[in-house]
Protein backbone atom coordinates (compact mmCIF):
# COMPACT_ATOMS: atom_id res chain seq x y z
CA PHE A 1 -11.42 -0.96 43.99
CA LEU A 2 -8.70 -1.87 46.38
CA THR A 3 -7.87 1.67 47.35
CA GLY A 4 -11.50 2.40 47.92
CA LYS A 5 -11.52 5.50 45.30
CA ALA A 6 -11.08 6.31 41.84
CA GLU A 7 -7.61 5.38 40.83
CA GLU A 8 -5.84 5.28 37.40
CA ARG A 9 -2.47 4.36 38.66
CA LEU A 10 -1.02 0.73 39.32
CA SER A 11 1.11 1.92 42.25
CA PHE A 12 3.68 -0.49 43.66
CA ASP A 13 1.85 -1.12 46.92
CA ILE A 14 -1.36 -2.69 45.14
CA GLN A 15 0.45 -4.66 42.53
CA ARG A 16 1.24 -7.77 44.64
CA GLU A 17 -2.17 -7.77 45.87
CA ILE A 18 -3.78 -7.39 42.22
CA ALA A 19 -1.33 -9.88 40.94
CA GLU A 20 -2.49 -12.57 43.66
CA ALA A 21 -6.30 -11.55 43.01
CA LEU A 22 -5.94 -12.32 39.07
CA GLY A 23 -4.22 -15.71 40.00
CA TYR A 24 -0.48 -15.00 39.07
CA HIS A 25 1.87 -17.29 40.71
CA ASP A 26 5.78 -17.21 41.49
CA HIS A 27 7.69 -19.35 38.63
CA PRO A 28 11.58 -19.64 38.68
CA GLY A 29 12.96 -16.46 37.67
CA LEU A 30 10.01 -14.27 37.91
CA SER A 31 7.74 -13.59 40.76
CA ALA A 32 4.00 -13.20 40.49
CA VAL A 33 3.97 -9.40 40.52
CA GLU A 34 6.63 -9.48 37.82
CA ARG A 35 4.80 -11.76 35.49
CA PHE A 36 1.55 -9.66 36.22
CA MET A 37 3.52 -6.47 35.29
CA LYS A 38 5.05 -7.99 32.27
CA HIS A 39 1.80 -9.40 31.01
CA TYR A 40 0.01 -5.93 31.67
CA PHE A 41 2.76 -3.79 29.66
CA LEU A 42 2.44 -6.37 26.77
CA VAL A 43 -1.20 -6.05 26.66
CA ALA A 44 -1.07 -1.97 27.25
CA LYS A 45 1.52 -1.97 24.03
CA ASP A 46 -0.97 -4.05 21.98
CA VAL A 47 -3.64 -1.73 22.83
CA GLY A 48 -1.49 1.35 22.00
CA ASP A 49 -0.81 -0.23 18.57
CA LEU A 50 -4.17 -1.12 17.86
CA THR A 51 -5.32 2.44 18.88
CA ARG A 52 -2.65 4.05 16.47
CA ILE A 53 -3.57 1.85 13.67
CA PHE A 54 -7.46 2.75 14.05
CA CYS A 55 -6.85 6.23 14.45
CA SER A 56 -4.66 6.30 11.22
CA ALA A 57 -7.31 4.41 9.50
CA LEU A 58 -9.83 7.05 10.68
CA GLU A 59 -7.63 9.90 9.35
CA ASP A 60 -7.14 8.70 6.15
CA GLN A 61 -11.11 8.09 5.93
CA GLN A 62 -11.75 11.68 6.95
CA ALA A 63 -9.08 13.31 4.71
CA LYS A 64 -10.63 15.81 2.49
CA ASP A 65 -9.71 15.55 -1.19
CA THR A 66 -8.61 18.28 -3.12
CA PRO A 67 -11.43 18.67 -5.89
CA GLY A 68 -10.43 18.17 -9.51
CA ILE A 69 -7.06 17.45 -11.37
CA THR A 70 -4.89 19.27 -8.98
CA GLY A 71 -6.02 17.08 -6.02
CA VAL A 72 -5.50 13.92 -8.13
CA ILE A 73 -1.99 15.32 -8.83
CA SER A 74 -0.93 16.54 -5.53
CA ARG A 75 -2.23 13.12 -4.00
CA PHE A 76 0.13 11.33 -5.97
CA ARG A 77 3.14 13.67 -5.84
CA ASN A 78 2.86 14.29 -2.13
CA ARG A 79 1.87 10.72 -0.82
CA LEU A 80 4.94 8.15 -1.13
CA ARG A 81 8.26 9.86 -0.92
CA LYS A 82 11.73 7.59 -0.63
CA ILE A 83 13.45 7.70 2.48
CA ALA A 84 17.26 8.43 2.27
CA GLY A 85 19.31 5.66 3.17
CA THR A 86 16.48 2.86 2.72
CA LEU A 87 14.78 0.86 -0.25
CA ASP A 88 12.40 -0.68 2.03
CA PHE A 89 10.30 2.04 3.63
CA VAL A 90 8.84 5.19 2.20
CA ASP A 91 7.15 8.50 3.69
CA ASP A 92 3.46 7.95 3.12
CA GLY A 93 1.84 11.52 4.06
CA GLY A 94 4.19 11.84 7.15
CA ARG A 95 4.12 7.98 8.09
CA ILE A 96 6.66 5.55 7.62
CA ALA A 97 5.37 2.81 5.20
CA LEU A 98 6.66 -0.12 3.51
CA ALA A 99 7.84 0.30 -0.08
CA GLY A 100 6.19 -2.70 -1.26
CA THR A 101 4.29 -5.98 -0.21
CA ASP A 102 7.34 -8.01 -0.43
CA VAL A 103 9.33 -6.21 2.06
């Protein structure tokens, strides 16, 4: 909006204006633009984390099962594998997962 054109980047020259427009103020130790950018990155990280969780859940829902007893055996054999050097984490089909609910 500030640049008058479609823009996906939050460049240095407009960060201060956006911070002011969103009501960020200077505080001891952090300027308004620093507070805005810190908040922006924390929220962007949360969005990325939630997107990864959502995509992972979709992948699990869409995974095709191998039919019959072969599918059952391979699902358990390949699903959880110990990771060397730790008892708290396992390899869950290519993803790191907690070994148990008490971890």
